[in-house]
Amino acid sequence: MQTPTSHGTHHAGPPSPLARPSLRHPEGFLFAPETLTWLSGLVLSLSTFMSWYSGSGGHDLVLSVIGWHTGLVGQIVFFLGLAVLVLVALRVLGVALPASLPESLIVIGIGVLATILVLVRLIWIPDRFLPADGRGIGLWIALLASFGVIAAGLIEASEEV
């Protein structure tokens, strides 16, 4: 004897192999775009306290110039990273920006500006640091962090749609 079954219930089976995969990030702290945003902003700010230029001054003297001491450009890069952190903190505190000015667009703009400034320092070493004949690791970290800020803004923009 068969038991009656309800026609209203539908049992979901395994997804079809031809089903379109979801482009959403897995739920979790590590893969959230907000994590990439604040982490990139933090690394961008901290990179200005790392070696941007290095070289030898003779007699076993090694010179190193941190990003903060490269002038206004290094200091602007620090404050751009700080601005990203402030945007994330405002979002956490529940402060919303106007709808006409999406946060992802601001993050992308900050990332582009930081990338341009870091590329300027990557290409051109100021004359006052001329014994410094090489680029330090902090400059490369700043460049990667600025790319990370742009990527975080693009991911946030794709999720807003």
N, C-alpha and C. Protein backbone atom coordinates (compact mmCIF):
# COMPACT_ATOMS: atom_id res chain seq x y z
N MET A 1 0.84 -1.16 0.00
CA MET A 1 0.00 0.00 0.00
C MET A 1 0.90 1.24 0.00
N GLN A 2 0.55 2.19 -0.83
CA GLN A 2 1.33 3.40 -0.95
C GLN A 2 0.78 4.46 -0.02
N THR A 3 1.71 5.24 0.49
CA THR A 3 1.28 6.36 1.33
C THR A 3 1.04 7.55 0.42
N PRO A 4 0.04 8.34 0.73
CA PRO A 4 -0.23 9.50 -0.12
C PRO A 4 0.89 10.53 0.01
N THR A 5 1.22 11.13 -1.10
CA THR A 5 2.26 12.17 -1.11
C THR A 5 1.62 13.49 -1.47
N SER A 6 2.20 14.50 -0.93
CA SER A 6 1.71 15.85 -1.21
C SER A 6 2.30 16.31 -2.52
N HIS A 7 1.46 16.88 -3.38
CA HIS A 7 1.96 17.36 -4.67
C HIS A 7 2.59 18.74 -4.55
N GLY A 8 2.40 19.42 -3.43
CA GLY A 8 2.93 20.77 -3.25
C GLY A 8 4.39 20.80 -2.85
N THR A 9 4.93 19.70 -2.36
CA THR A 9 6.33 19.72 -1.94
C THR A 9 7.22 19.35 -3.10
N HIS A 10 8.37 19.97 -3.13
CA HIS A 10 9.34 19.72 -4.18
C HIS A 10 10.68 19.48 -3.52
N HIS A 11 11.26 18.36 -3.80
CA HIS A 11 12.56 18.02 -3.23
C HIS A 11 13.64 18.47 -4.20
N ALA A 12 14.53 19.27 -3.67
CA ALA A 12 15.62 19.75 -4.51
C ALA A 12 16.73 18.72 -4.55
N GLY A 13 17.09 18.34 -5.73
CA GLY A 13 18.17 17.39 -5.90
C GLY A 13 19.48 18.13 -6.08
N PRO A 14 20.51 17.41 -6.40
CA PRO A 14 21.79 18.07 -6.64
C PRO A 14 21.69 18.98 -7.87
N PRO A 15 22.45 20.04 -7.87
CA PRO A 15 22.37 20.95 -9.01
C PRO A 15 22.85 20.28 -10.29
N SER A 16 22.28 20.70 -11.37
CA SER A 16 22.65 20.16 -12.66
C SER A 16 24.09 20.55 -12.98
N PRO A 17 24.86 19.66 -13.61
CA PRO A 17 26.23 20.02 -13.94
C PRO A 17 26.30 21.20 -14.92
N LEU A 18 25.24 21.43 -15.66
CA LEU A 18 25.21 22.54 -16.60
C LEU A 18 24.64 23.81 -15.99
N ALA A 19 24.30 23.76 -14.71
CA ALA A 19 23.74 24.95 -14.06
C ALA A 19 24.81 26.03 -13.97
N ARG A 20 24.37 27.25 -14.09
CA ARG A 20 25.29 28.38 -14.05
C ARG A 20 25.79 28.58 -12.62
N PRO A 21 27.12 28.67 -12.44
CA PRO A 21 27.64 28.84 -11.08
C PRO A 21 27.34 30.24 -10.56
N SER A 22 27.22 30.34 -9.28
CA SER A 22 26.95 31.63 -8.64
C SER A 22 28.24 32.45 -8.60
N LEU A 23 28.12 33.73 -8.90
CA LEU A 23 29.27 34.62 -8.86
C LEU A 23 29.44 35.28 -7.51
N ARG A 24 28.55 35.01 -6.58
CA ARG A 24 28.64 35.59 -5.24
C ARG A 24 29.77 34.94 -4.47
N HIS A 25 30.34 35.71 -3.57
CA HIS A 25 31.42 35.19 -2.73
C HIS A 25 30.84 34.24 -1.70
N PRO A 26 31.64 33.25 -1.27
CA PRO A 26 31.17 32.38 -0.21
C PRO A 26 30.95 33.18 1.06
N GLU A 27 29.93 32.82 1.78
CA GLU A 27 29.65 33.54 3.03
C GLU A 27 30.76 33.24 4.02
N GLY A 28 31.36 34.26 4.50
CA GLY A 28 32.44 34.11 5.45
C GLY A 28 33.24 35.39 5.53
N PHE A 29 33.96 35.54 6.59
CA PHE A 29 34.70 36.77 6.84
C PHE A 29 35.85 36.95 5.86
N LEU A 30 36.53 35.88 5.54
CA LEU A 30 37.73 35.99 4.73
C LEU A 30 37.43 36.39 3.29
N PHE A 31 36.29 35.96 2.77
CA PHE A 31 36.00 36.20 1.36
C PHE A 31 35.09 37.40 1.14
N ALA A 32 34.74 38.10 2.18
CA ALA A 32 33.85 39.25 2.03
C ALA A 32 34.59 40.40 1.36
N PRO A 33 33.93 41.13 0.45
CA PRO A 33 34.61 42.26 -0.19
C PRO A 33 34.95 43.36 0.80
N GLU A 34 34.20 43.46 1.89
CA GLU A 34 34.51 44.45 2.91
C GLU A 34 35.87 44.16 3.54
N THR A 35 36.20 42.88 3.68
CA THR A 35 37.49 42.50 4.24
C THR A 35 38.62 42.92 3.31
N LEU A 36 38.44 42.71 2.01
CA LEU A 36 39.45 43.14 1.06
C LEU A 36 39.61 44.65 1.08
N THR A 37 38.51 45.37 1.27
CA THR A 37 38.56 46.83 1.28
C THR A 37 39.38 47.34 2.46
N TRP A 38 39.03 46.91 3.68
CA TRP A 38 39.75 47.45 4.83
C TRP A 38 41.18 46.93 4.89
N LEU A 39 41.41 45.70 4.46
CA LEU A 39 42.75 45.14 4.49
C LEU A 39 43.66 45.87 3.49
N SER A 40 43.15 46.15 2.31
CA SER A 40 43.94 46.89 1.32
C SER A 40 44.21 48.31 1.79
N GLY A 41 43.21 48.95 2.39
CA GLY A 41 43.41 50.30 2.92
C GLY A 41 44.43 50.33 4.04
N LEU A 42 44.39 49.33 4.91
CA LEU A 42 45.35 49.25 6.01
C LEU A 42 46.77 49.04 5.48
N VAL A 43 46.92 48.11 4.55
CA VAL A 43 48.25 47.84 3.99
C VAL A 43 48.76 49.06 3.23
N LEU A 44 47.86 49.77 2.52
CA LEU A 44 48.28 50.98 1.81
C LEU A 44 48.80 52.02 2.78
N SER A 45 48.11 52.21 3.89
CA SER A 45 48.57 53.18 4.89
C SER A 45 49.89 52.75 5.53
N LEU A 46 49.98 51.49 5.89
CA LEU A 46 51.20 51.00 6.54
C LEU A 46 52.40 50.96 5.61
N SER A 47 52.15 50.84 4.31
CA SER A 47 53.27 50.78 3.37
C SER A 47 54.07 52.07 3.33
N THR A 48 53.46 53.18 3.75
CA THR A 48 54.21 54.44 3.75
C THR A 48 55.25 54.48 4.87
N PHE A 49 55.18 53.54 5.78
CA PHE A 49 56.18 53.45 6.85
C PHE A 49 57.19 52.33 6.57
N MET A 50 57.19 51.85 5.33
CA MET A 50 58.16 50.85 4.89
C MET A 50 59.14 51.50 3.92
N SER A 51 60.20 50.79 3.60
CA SER A 51 61.24 51.31 2.73
C SER A 51 60.73 51.45 1.29
N TRP A 52 60.77 52.68 0.76
CA TRP A 52 60.39 52.91 -0.63
C TRP A 52 61.63 53.00 -1.51
N TYR A 53 62.72 53.50 -0.96
CA TYR A 53 63.97 53.61 -1.71
C TYR A 53 65.10 53.08 -0.85
N SER A 54 66.09 52.47 -1.48
CA SER A 54 67.25 51.99 -0.75
C SER A 54 68.48 52.13 -1.64
N GLY A 55 69.61 52.18 -1.02
CA GLY A 55 70.86 52.30 -1.77
C GLY A 55 72.02 52.31 -0.82
N SER A 56 73.21 52.38 -1.40
CA SER A 56 74.41 52.39 -0.56
C SER A 56 75.09 53.75 -0.69
N GLY A 57 75.55 54.23 0.44
CA GLY A 57 76.23 55.51 0.48
C GLY A 57 77.74 55.35 0.57
N GLY A 58 78.24 54.18 0.38
CA GLY A 58 79.67 53.93 0.48
C GLY A 58 80.06 53.55 1.90
N HIS A 59 81.23 52.95 2.04
CA HIS A 59 81.76 52.53 3.34
C HIS A 59 80.76 51.67 4.11
N ASP A 60 80.16 50.72 3.44
CA ASP A 60 79.20 49.78 4.04
C ASP A 60 78.01 50.49 4.67
N LEU A 61 77.65 51.63 4.15
CA LEU A 61 76.50 52.38 4.64
C LEU A 61 75.32 52.10 3.72
N VAL A 62 74.24 51.65 4.30
CA VAL A 62 73.03 51.36 3.52
C VAL A 62 71.98 52.40 3.88
N LEU A 63 71.45 53.04 2.86
CA LEU A 63 70.42 54.05 3.04
C LEU A 63 69.05 53.46 2.77
N SER A 64 68.07 53.93 3.50
CA SER A 64 66.70 53.51 3.27
C SER A 64 65.78 54.71 3.55
N VAL A 65 64.87 54.95 2.63
CA VAL A 65 63.94 56.07 2.77
C VAL A 65 62.53 55.48 2.82
N ILE A 66 61.80 55.80 3.89
CA ILE A 66 60.43 55.30 4.00
C ILE A 66 59.51 56.21 3.18
N GLY A 67 58.35 55.70 2.85
CA GLY A 67 57.41 56.44 2.01
C GLY A 67 56.97 57.76 2.61
N TRP A 68 56.82 57.82 3.92
CA TRP A 68 56.39 59.05 4.57
C TRP A 68 57.38 60.18 4.33
N HIS A 69 58.66 59.86 4.22
CA HIS A 69 59.70 60.86 4.05
C HIS A 69 59.97 61.20 2.59
N THR A 70 59.18 60.67 1.67
CA THR A 70 59.39 61.00 0.25
C THR A 70 58.70 62.29 -0.14
N GLY A 71 58.08 62.95 0.81
CA GLY A 71 57.43 64.22 0.52
C GLY A 71 55.92 64.10 0.57
N LEU A 72 55.28 65.03 -0.08
CA LEU A 72 53.83 65.12 -0.03
C LEU A 72 53.14 63.89 -0.64
N VAL A 73 53.77 63.31 -1.66
CA VAL A 73 53.16 62.16 -2.32
C VAL A 73 53.02 60.99 -1.35
N GLY A 74 54.06 60.69 -0.61
CA GLY A 74 53.99 59.58 0.36
C GLY A 74 52.96 59.84 1.45
N GLN A 75 52.85 61.09 1.88
CA GLN A 75 51.89 61.43 2.92
C GLN A 75 50.46 61.36 2.39
N ILE A 76 50.26 61.76 1.14
CA ILE A 76 48.92 61.64 0.54
C ILE A 76 48.52 60.17 0.42
N VAL A 77 49.46 59.31 0.05
CA VAL A 77 49.17 57.88 -0.04
C VAL A 77 48.74 57.35 1.32
N PHE A 78 49.41 57.79 2.38
CA PHE A 78 49.01 57.37 3.73
C PHE A 78 47.57 57.79 4.02
N PHE A 79 47.23 59.04 3.72
CA PHE A 79 45.88 59.52 4.03
C PHE A 79 44.82 58.92 3.11
N LEU A 80 45.19 58.51 1.90
CA LEU A 80 44.24 57.81 1.04
C LEU A 80 43.90 56.43 1.63
N GLY A 81 44.91 55.73 2.13
CA GLY A 81 44.65 54.46 2.81
C GLY A 81 43.80 54.66 4.05
N LEU A 82 44.07 55.74 4.77
CA LEU A 82 43.28 56.07 5.96
C LEU A 82 41.83 56.40 5.58
N ALA A 83 41.64 57.06 4.44
CA ALA A 83 40.28 57.39 3.97
C ALA A 83 39.48 56.13 3.67
N VAL A 84 40.14 55.12 3.13
CA VAL A 84 39.46 53.83 2.89
C VAL A 84 39.02 53.22 4.22
N LEU A 85 39.89 53.28 5.22
CA LEU A 85 39.54 52.74 6.53
C LEU A 85 38.39 53.52 7.16
N VAL A 86 38.35 54.83 6.96
CA VAL A 86 37.25 55.64 7.50
C VAL A 86 35.94 55.27 6.81
N LEU A 87 35.97 55.04 5.50
CA LEU A 87 34.75 54.62 4.79
C LEU A 87 34.22 53.30 5.32
N VAL A 88 35.12 52.36 5.57
CA VAL A 88 34.70 51.06 6.12
C VAL A 88 34.13 51.25 7.53
N ALA A 89 34.79 52.09 8.34
CA ALA A 89 34.31 52.32 9.71
C ALA A 89 32.93 52.99 9.69
N LEU A 90 32.71 53.91 8.76
CA LEU A 90 31.39 54.55 8.66
C LEU A 90 30.32 53.53 8.28
N ARG A 91 30.68 52.60 7.38
CA ARG A 91 29.72 51.57 6.99
C ARG A 91 29.38 50.67 8.17
N VAL A 92 30.39 50.31 8.97
CA VAL A 92 30.17 49.46 10.13
C VAL A 92 29.29 50.17 11.16
N LEU A 93 29.50 51.48 11.31
CA LEU A 93 28.72 52.25 12.28
C LEU A 93 27.31 52.58 11.78
N GLY A 94 27.01 52.24 10.54
CA GLY A 94 25.67 52.45 10.01
C GLY A 94 25.46 53.78 9.32
N VAL A 95 26.51 54.53 9.09
CA VAL A 95 26.39 55.80 8.38
C VAL A 95 26.39 55.51 6.89
N ALA A 96 25.33 55.91 6.22
CA ALA A 96 25.21 55.65 4.79
C ALA A 96 25.49 56.92 4.00
N LEU A 97 26.21 56.76 2.92
CA LEU A 97 26.47 57.87 2.02
C LEU A 97 25.25 58.10 1.14
N PRO A 98 25.12 59.26 0.53
CA PRO A 98 23.98 59.49 -0.37
C PRO A 98 23.97 58.48 -1.51
N ALA A 99 22.77 58.15 -1.97
CA ALA A 99 22.63 57.15 -3.03
C ALA A 99 23.27 57.63 -4.33
N SER A 100 23.36 58.94 -4.51
CA SER A 100 23.96 59.46 -5.74
C SER A 100 25.48 59.32 -5.75
N LEU A 101 26.07 58.98 -4.62
CA LEU A 101 27.51 58.81 -4.50
C LEU A 101 27.81 57.45 -3.88
N PRO A 102 27.83 56.39 -4.70
CA PRO A 102 28.04 55.05 -4.14
C PRO A 102 29.43 54.90 -3.53
N GLU A 103 29.47 54.17 -2.46
CA GLU A 103 30.73 53.96 -1.75
C GLU A 103 31.75 53.24 -2.61
N SER A 104 31.29 52.31 -3.44
CA SER A 104 32.22 51.58 -4.30
C SER A 104 32.92 52.51 -5.27
N LEU A 105 32.21 53.53 -5.75
CA LEU A 105 32.82 54.49 -6.66
C LEU A 105 33.90 55.32 -5.96
N ILE A 106 33.66 55.67 -4.71
CA ILE A 106 34.65 56.41 -3.93
C ILE A 106 35.89 55.55 -3.70
N VAL A 107 35.68 54.28 -3.37
CA VAL A 107 36.81 53.36 -3.13
C VAL A 107 37.62 53.19 -4.41
N ILE A 108 36.96 53.05 -5.55
CA ILE A 108 37.68 52.92 -6.82
C ILE A 108 38.48 54.18 -7.09
N GLY A 109 37.88 55.34 -6.87
CA GLY A 109 38.59 56.60 -7.10
C GLY A 109 39.80 56.76 -6.21
N ILE A 110 39.67 56.39 -4.94
CA ILE A 110 40.81 56.44 -4.03
C ILE A 110 41.91 55.49 -4.49
N GLY A 111 41.52 54.30 -4.93
CA GLY A 111 42.50 53.34 -5.41
C GLY A 111 43.23 53.80 -6.65
N VAL A 112 42.50 54.43 -7.57
CA VAL A 112 43.13 54.94 -8.80
C VAL A 112 44.10 56.07 -8.47
N LEU A 113 43.68 56.98 -7.60
CA LEU A 113 44.57 58.08 -7.21
C LEU A 113 45.82 57.57 -6.51
N ALA A 114 45.65 56.61 -5.61
CA ALA A 114 46.81 56.03 -4.92
C ALA A 114 47.73 55.31 -5.90
N THR A 115 47.17 54.61 -6.87
CA THR A 115 47.98 53.92 -7.87
C THR A 115 48.81 54.91 -8.68
N ILE A 116 48.19 56.01 -9.09
CA ILE A 116 48.91 57.02 -9.87
C ILE A 116 50.06 57.60 -9.05
N LEU A 117 49.79 57.93 -7.79
CA LEU A 117 50.84 58.52 -6.95
C LEU A 117 51.97 57.54 -6.69
N VAL A 118 51.65 56.28 -6.46
CA VAL A 118 52.70 55.28 -6.22
C VAL A 118 53.50 55.05 -7.50
N LEU A 119 52.83 55.05 -8.65
CA LEU A 119 53.55 54.89 -9.91
C LEU A 119 54.49 56.07 -10.17
N VAL A 120 54.08 57.26 -9.76
CA VAL A 120 54.97 58.42 -9.89
C VAL A 120 56.23 58.19 -9.08
N ARG A 121 56.09 57.72 -7.86
CA ARG A 121 57.26 57.47 -7.01
C ARG A 121 58.05 56.25 -7.49
N LEU A 122 57.39 55.33 -8.15
CA LEU A 122 58.08 54.16 -8.68
C LEU A 122 58.95 54.54 -9.87
N ILE A 123 58.45 55.42 -10.71
CA ILE A 123 59.18 55.80 -11.91
C ILE A 123 60.25 56.86 -11.61
N TRP A 124 59.91 57.80 -10.76
CA TRP A 124 60.80 58.95 -10.54
C TRP A 124 61.27 58.98 -9.09
N ILE A 125 62.58 58.86 -8.89
CA ILE A 125 63.18 59.01 -7.56
C ILE A 125 63.58 60.47 -7.41
N PRO A 126 63.10 61.16 -6.37
CA PRO A 126 63.49 62.56 -6.18
C PRO A 126 65.00 62.71 -6.05
N ASP A 127 65.51 63.85 -6.50
CA ASP A 127 66.96 64.10 -6.51
C ASP A 127 67.57 64.07 -5.12
N ARG A 128 66.82 64.44 -4.12
CA ARG A 128 67.40 64.49 -2.78
C ARG A 128 67.68 63.10 -2.22
N PHE A 129 67.16 62.04 -2.88
CA PHE A 129 67.41 60.67 -2.43
C PHE A 129 68.34 59.94 -3.39
N LEU A 130 69.14 60.65 -4.17
CA LEU A 130 69.92 60.04 -5.24
C LEU A 130 70.91 58.97 -4.83
N PRO A 131 71.51 58.98 -3.67
CA PRO A 131 72.30 57.78 -3.37
C PRO A 131 71.44 56.52 -3.36
N ALA A 132 70.13 56.71 -3.17
CA ALA A 132 69.22 55.57 -3.22
C ALA A 132 69.03 55.19 -4.68
N ASP A 133 69.58 54.05 -5.06
CA ASP A 133 69.52 53.64 -6.45
C ASP A 133 68.54 52.50 -6.71
N GLY A 134 67.82 52.09 -5.70
CA GLY A 134 66.88 51.00 -5.88
C GLY A 134 65.55 51.28 -5.21
N ARG A 135 64.57 50.52 -5.61
CA ARG A 135 63.23 50.64 -5.00
C ARG A 135 63.11 49.61 -3.88
N GLY A 136 62.55 50.05 -2.77
CA GLY A 136 62.38 49.17 -1.62
C GLY A 136 61.09 48.37 -1.71
N ILE A 137 60.95 47.43 -0.83
CA ILE A 137 59.78 46.55 -0.82
C ILE A 137 58.50 47.30 -0.50
N GLY A 138 58.59 48.36 0.29
CA GLY A 138 57.40 49.11 0.66
C GLY A 138 56.71 49.76 -0.52
N LEU A 139 57.49 50.16 -1.52
CA LEU A 139 56.91 50.76 -2.72
C LEU A 139 56.11 49.74 -3.52
N TRP A 140 56.63 48.53 -3.59
CA TRP A 140 55.91 47.46 -4.30
C TRP A 140 54.68 47.03 -3.52
N ILE A 141 54.78 47.01 -2.21
CA ILE A 141 53.61 46.68 -1.38
C ILE A 141 52.54 47.75 -1.53
N ALA A 142 52.95 49.02 -1.60
CA ALA A 142 51.99 50.11 -1.80
C ALA A 142 51.29 49.97 -3.14
N LEU A 143 52.02 49.57 -4.17
CA LEU A 143 51.42 49.39 -5.49
C LEU A 143 50.40 48.26 -5.47
N LEU A 144 50.76 47.15 -4.85
CA LEU A 144 49.82 46.02 -4.75
C LEU A 144 48.59 46.39 -3.91
N ALA A 145 48.80 47.13 -2.84
CA ALA A 145 47.68 47.54 -1.99
C ALA A 145 46.76 48.49 -2.74
N SER A 146 47.32 49.38 -3.55
CA SER A 146 46.46 50.29 -4.32
C SER A 146 45.66 49.51 -5.36
N PHE A 147 46.27 48.48 -5.96
CA PHE A 147 45.50 47.60 -6.86
C PHE A 147 44.41 46.87 -6.09
N GLY A 148 44.72 46.48 -4.85
CA GLY A 148 43.72 45.80 -4.02
C GLY A 148 42.54 46.70 -3.69
N VAL A 149 42.80 47.99 -3.47
CA VAL A 149 41.70 48.94 -3.20
C VAL A 149 40.81 49.06 -4.43
N ILE A 150 41.42 49.13 -5.62
CA ILE A 150 40.63 49.20 -6.85
C ILE A 150 39.80 47.92 -7.01
N ALA A 151 40.42 46.77 -6.80
CA ALA A 151 39.71 45.50 -6.93
C ALA A 151 38.56 45.41 -5.94
N ALA A 152 38.78 45.85 -4.71
CA ALA A 152 37.72 45.82 -3.70
C ALA A 152 36.55 46.70 -4.12
N GLY A 153 36.85 47.88 -4.66
CA GLY A 153 35.79 48.76 -5.13
C GLY A 153 35.02 48.15 -6.29
N LEU A 154 35.71 47.49 -7.20
CA LEU A 154 35.04 46.85 -8.33
C LEU A 154 34.17 45.69 -7.88
N ILE A 155 34.65 44.92 -6.92
CA ILE A 155 33.84 43.81 -6.40
C ILE A 155 32.60 44.34 -5.69
N GLU A 156 32.76 45.40 -4.91
CA GLU A 156 31.61 46.00 -4.24
C GLU A 156 30.61 46.54 -5.26
N ALA A 157 31.11 47.15 -6.33
CA ALA A 157 30.22 47.69 -7.36
C ALA A 157 29.46 46.57 -8.06
N SER A 158 30.11 45.44 -8.27
CA SER A 158 29.42 44.33 -8.94
C SER A 158 28.34 43.72 -8.06
N GLU A 159 28.51 43.82 -6.73
CA GLU A 159 27.50 43.28 -5.83
C GLU A 159 26.35 44.25 -5.60
N GLU A 160 26.56 45.53 -5.91
CA GLU A 160 25.49 46.51 -5.73
C GLU A 160 24.44 46.38 -6.82
N VAL A 161 24.80 45.81 -7.95
CA VAL A 161 23.87 45.71 -9.08
C VAL A 161 22.83 44.67 -8.84
